Each structure stands twice: as C-alpha cells, then as structure tokens.
Amino acid sequence: MRGARWAGAAALRGGAAGAGWAKSRGGELLERIPTEQIEHDVRETVAEARERIDGFVRSELGDLRRTLRRQRKRLGV
C-alpha cells in the first residue's frame, strides 16, 4: 500500500509543479487544462490499483497460511 501512496504523492507533486510552471507562463493555458477530469481519473486509477494490490496481498496471505498449516501438520506441531 505504501507504493501506491508514494506514487500518488509523487504524481501530486509533479502535477503541482507543472501547474505552477503553466501558471507562471500564462493563466489562459492553465484555464484550458481540465483539472477536475484529470483529478477524477487519477483518483479512480489509484483506487483501482489499491483494490488490485489488496486482492493480491489477500491471496498471497491465504496461500502462505495454507502452506504453514501443511508444514505444521507434516511436522506434527
């Protein structure tokens, strides 16, 4: 989950730096950028990534638990 959070924060910083550059170069350029749509798309993408990562981690933990149970059974613990 840290990786997704880091990537989101880095994207925010990069976007803010780009917006600052665009603002200093001309306000009309900044006004033409569909910021609400971009924000919506980024949030949606990050949410989907989190869900996929969470699902993968849940699956891996389940596999690990099954493996541990088998090993304990084999060892008689």
N, C-alpha and C. Protein backbone atom coordinates (compact mmCIF):
# COMPACT_ATOMS: atom_id res chain seq x y z
N MET A 1 0.83 -1.18 0.00
CA MET A 1 0.00 0.00 0.00
C MET A 1 0.88 1.25 0.00
N ARG A 2 2.08 1.13 0.59
CA ARG A 2 2.98 2.28 0.61
C ARG A 2 3.36 2.72 -0.79
N GLY A 3 3.57 1.75 -1.68
CA GLY A 3 3.97 2.08 -3.05
C GLY A 3 2.92 2.90 -3.77
N ALA A 4 1.66 2.53 -3.62
CA ALA A 4 0.58 3.29 -4.26
C ALA A 4 0.49 4.68 -3.66
N ARG A 5 0.64 4.76 -2.34
CA ARG A 5 0.57 6.06 -1.67
C ARG A 5 1.73 6.94 -2.13
N TRP A 6 2.93 6.36 -2.23
CA TRP A 6 4.10 7.12 -2.68
C TRP A 6 3.89 7.60 -4.10
N ALA A 7 3.40 6.73 -4.97
CA ALA A 7 3.18 7.10 -6.37
C ALA A 7 2.14 8.21 -6.48
N GLY A 8 1.09 8.13 -5.68
CA GLY A 8 0.07 9.17 -5.70
C GLY A 8 0.62 10.50 -5.24
N ALA A 9 1.44 10.47 -4.19
CA ALA A 9 2.04 11.71 -3.68
C ALA A 9 3.02 12.30 -4.70
N ALA A 10 3.78 11.43 -5.36
CA ALA A 10 4.72 11.91 -6.38
C ALA A 10 3.97 12.51 -7.56
N ALA A 11 2.86 11.89 -7.94
CA ALA A 11 2.06 12.44 -9.04
C ALA A 11 1.48 13.79 -8.67
N LEU A 12 1.05 13.92 -7.42
CA LEU A 12 0.51 15.20 -6.95
C LEU A 12 1.58 16.28 -6.99
N ARG A 13 2.78 15.95 -6.51
CA ARG A 13 3.87 16.94 -6.53
C ARG A 13 4.24 17.32 -7.95
N GLY A 14 4.31 16.34 -8.82
CA GLY A 14 4.65 16.61 -10.22
C GLY A 14 3.57 17.45 -10.89
N GLY A 15 2.33 17.14 -10.60
CA GLY A 15 1.23 17.92 -11.17
C GLY A 15 1.23 19.35 -10.66
N ALA A 16 1.51 19.51 -9.37
CA ALA A 16 1.55 20.85 -8.79
C ALA A 16 2.70 21.66 -9.39
N ALA A 17 3.84 21.01 -9.58
CA ALA A 17 4.99 21.71 -10.18
C ALA A 17 4.66 22.12 -11.61
N GLY A 18 4.03 21.23 -12.36
CA GLY A 18 3.64 21.55 -13.73
C GLY A 18 2.60 22.65 -13.78
N ALA A 19 1.67 22.63 -12.84
CA ALA A 19 0.65 23.68 -12.79
C ALA A 19 1.27 25.02 -12.44
N GLY A 20 2.24 25.00 -11.53
CA GLY A 20 2.94 26.25 -11.18
C GLY A 20 3.69 26.82 -12.37
N TRP A 21 4.33 25.94 -13.12
CA TRP A 21 5.05 26.37 -14.32
C TRP A 21 4.07 26.97 -15.33
N ALA A 22 2.96 26.28 -15.55
CA ALA A 22 1.97 26.76 -16.52
C ALA A 22 1.37 28.09 -16.07
N LYS A 23 1.15 28.23 -14.78
CA LYS A 23 0.58 29.48 -14.27
C LYS A 23 1.54 30.64 -14.49
N SER A 24 2.82 30.39 -14.27
CA SER A 24 3.81 31.46 -14.46
C SER A 24 3.96 31.82 -15.94
N ARG A 25 3.66 30.87 -16.83
CA ARG A 25 3.80 31.11 -18.27
C ARG A 25 2.54 31.72 -18.88
N GLY A 26 1.44 31.60 -18.19
CA GLY A 26 0.21 32.19 -18.73
C GLY A 26 -1.02 31.58 -18.12
N GLY A 27 -1.86 32.41 -17.55
CA GLY A 27 -3.07 31.95 -16.88
C GLY A 27 -4.04 31.27 -17.83
N GLU A 28 -4.11 31.73 -19.07
CA GLU A 28 -5.06 31.14 -20.01
C GLU A 28 -4.72 29.69 -20.32
N LEU A 29 -3.44 29.36 -20.29
CA LEU A 29 -3.03 27.98 -20.52
C LEU A 29 -3.55 27.09 -19.40
N LEU A 30 -3.45 27.57 -18.18
CA LEU A 30 -3.90 26.81 -17.02
C LEU A 30 -5.41 26.63 -17.05
N GLU A 31 -6.11 27.63 -17.50
CA GLU A 31 -7.58 27.53 -17.53
C GLU A 31 -8.08 26.52 -18.55
N ARG A 32 -7.28 26.23 -19.56
CA ARG A 32 -7.70 25.27 -20.58
C ARG A 32 -7.49 23.82 -20.16
N ILE A 33 -6.75 23.59 -19.10
CA ILE A 33 -6.48 22.23 -18.63
C ILE A 33 -7.68 21.74 -17.83
N PRO A 34 -8.23 20.58 -18.20
CA PRO A 34 -9.41 20.06 -17.48
C PRO A 34 -9.00 19.42 -16.14
N THR A 35 -8.68 20.24 -15.16
CA THR A 35 -8.14 19.73 -13.90
C THR A 35 -9.10 18.82 -13.16
N GLU A 36 -10.40 19.13 -13.20
CA GLU A 36 -11.36 18.27 -12.49
C GLU A 36 -11.38 16.86 -13.10
N GLN A 37 -11.36 16.79 -14.40
CA GLN A 37 -11.37 15.50 -15.08
C GLN A 37 -10.08 14.72 -14.79
N ILE A 38 -8.97 15.42 -14.81
CA ILE A 38 -7.68 14.78 -14.52
C ILE A 38 -7.68 14.25 -13.10
N GLU A 39 -8.13 15.07 -12.15
CA GLU A 39 -8.17 14.65 -10.75
C GLU A 39 -9.06 13.42 -10.59
N HIS A 40 -10.21 13.44 -11.23
CA HIS A 40 -11.13 12.31 -11.16
C HIS A 40 -10.49 11.04 -11.71
N ASP A 41 -9.85 11.15 -12.87
CA ASP A 41 -9.21 9.99 -13.49
C ASP A 41 -8.08 9.43 -12.64
N VAL A 42 -7.27 10.33 -12.06
CA VAL A 42 -6.15 9.88 -11.22
C VAL A 42 -6.68 9.18 -9.97
N ARG A 43 -7.68 9.78 -9.33
CA ARG A 43 -8.25 9.16 -8.13
C ARG A 43 -8.83 7.78 -8.45
N GLU A 44 -9.52 7.68 -9.58
CA GLU A 44 -10.10 6.41 -9.99
C GLU A 44 -9.02 5.36 -10.24
N THR A 45 -7.96 5.76 -10.92
CA THR A 45 -6.87 4.84 -11.22
C THR A 45 -6.17 4.37 -9.95
N VAL A 46 -5.93 5.30 -9.02
CA VAL A 46 -5.28 4.94 -7.76
C VAL A 46 -6.18 4.01 -6.95
N ALA A 47 -7.48 4.28 -6.93
CA ALA A 47 -8.40 3.41 -6.20
C ALA A 47 -8.40 2.00 -6.78
N GLU A 48 -8.42 1.90 -8.11
CA GLU A 48 -8.37 0.58 -8.75
C GLU A 48 -7.06 -0.14 -8.43
N ALA A 49 -5.97 0.60 -8.44
CA ALA A 49 -4.66 -0.01 -8.13
C ALA A 49 -4.65 -0.52 -6.69
N ARG A 50 -5.20 0.26 -5.77
CA ARG A 50 -5.25 -0.19 -4.37
C ARG A 50 -6.07 -1.46 -4.24
N GLU A 51 -7.22 -1.51 -4.91
CA GLU A 51 -8.06 -2.70 -4.84
C GLU A 51 -7.33 -3.92 -5.38
N ARG A 52 -6.64 -3.77 -6.49
CA ARG A 52 -5.91 -4.91 -7.06
C ARG A 52 -4.78 -5.36 -6.16
N ILE A 53 -4.06 -4.39 -5.60
CA ILE A 53 -2.96 -4.72 -4.69
C ILE A 53 -3.50 -5.42 -3.45
N ASP A 54 -4.60 -4.89 -2.89
CA ASP A 54 -5.20 -5.52 -1.71
C ASP A 54 -5.62 -6.95 -2.01
N GLY A 55 -6.23 -7.17 -3.17
CA GLY A 55 -6.64 -8.51 -3.55
C GLY A 55 -5.46 -9.46 -3.69
N PHE A 56 -4.41 -8.96 -4.30
CA PHE A 56 -3.21 -9.78 -4.47
C PHE A 56 -2.61 -10.14 -3.12
N VAL A 57 -2.52 -9.17 -2.22
CA VAL A 57 -1.94 -9.42 -0.91
C VAL A 57 -2.80 -10.42 -0.13
N ARG A 58 -4.13 -10.26 -0.20
CA ARG A 58 -5.03 -11.20 0.47
C ARG A 58 -4.81 -12.62 -0.05
N SER A 59 -4.68 -12.74 -1.36
CA SER A 59 -4.47 -14.05 -1.97
C SER A 59 -3.14 -14.65 -1.51
N GLU A 60 -2.10 -13.86 -1.51
CA GLU A 60 -0.79 -14.34 -1.08
C GLU A 60 -0.80 -14.75 0.39
N LEU A 61 -1.48 -13.97 1.24
CA LEU A 61 -1.56 -14.33 2.65
C LEU A 61 -2.32 -15.64 2.84
N GLY A 62 -3.39 -15.82 2.07
CA GLY A 62 -4.13 -17.08 2.15
C GLY A 62 -3.25 -18.26 1.76
N ASP A 63 -2.48 -18.11 0.68
CA ASP A 63 -1.57 -19.17 0.26
C ASP A 63 -0.53 -19.46 1.34
N LEU A 64 0.00 -18.41 1.94
CA LEU A 64 1.00 -18.58 2.98
C LEU A 64 0.42 -19.31 4.19
N ARG A 65 -0.80 -18.95 4.57
CA ARG A 65 -1.44 -19.62 5.71
C ARG A 65 -1.65 -21.11 5.41
N ARG A 66 -2.11 -21.42 4.19
CA ARG A 66 -2.30 -22.83 3.82
C ARG A 66 -0.98 -23.59 3.87
N THR A 67 0.05 -22.98 3.37
CA THR A 67 1.38 -23.61 3.37
C THR A 67 1.86 -23.85 4.81
N LEU A 68 1.65 -22.86 5.66
CA LEU A 68 2.06 -23.02 7.07
C LEU A 68 1.28 -24.15 7.73
N ARG A 69 -0.02 -24.23 7.47
CA ARG A 69 -0.83 -25.31 8.04
C ARG A 69 -0.30 -26.67 7.59
N ARG A 70 0.01 -26.79 6.31
CA ARG A 70 0.54 -28.06 5.79
C ARG A 70 1.86 -28.41 6.46
N GLN A 71 2.73 -27.42 6.60
CA GLN A 71 4.05 -27.67 7.21
C GLN A 71 3.89 -28.09 8.67
N ARG A 72 3.02 -27.41 9.38
CA ARG A 72 2.79 -27.76 10.79
C ARG A 72 2.22 -29.17 10.91
N LYS A 73 1.29 -29.50 10.03
CA LYS A 73 0.69 -30.84 10.05
C LYS A 73 1.77 -31.89 9.76
N ARG A 74 2.60 -31.60 8.80
CA ARG A 74 3.69 -32.53 8.42
C ARG A 74 4.67 -32.72 9.58
N LEU A 75 4.94 -31.64 10.30
CA LEU A 75 5.90 -31.69 11.42
C LEU A 75 5.25 -32.18 12.70
N GLY A 76 3.92 -32.25 12.73
CA GLY A 76 3.22 -32.71 13.91
C GLY A 76 3.11 -31.64 14.99
N VAL A 77 3.10 -30.38 14.58
CA VAL A 77 3.01 -29.28 15.54
C VAL A 77 1.58 -28.85 15.71
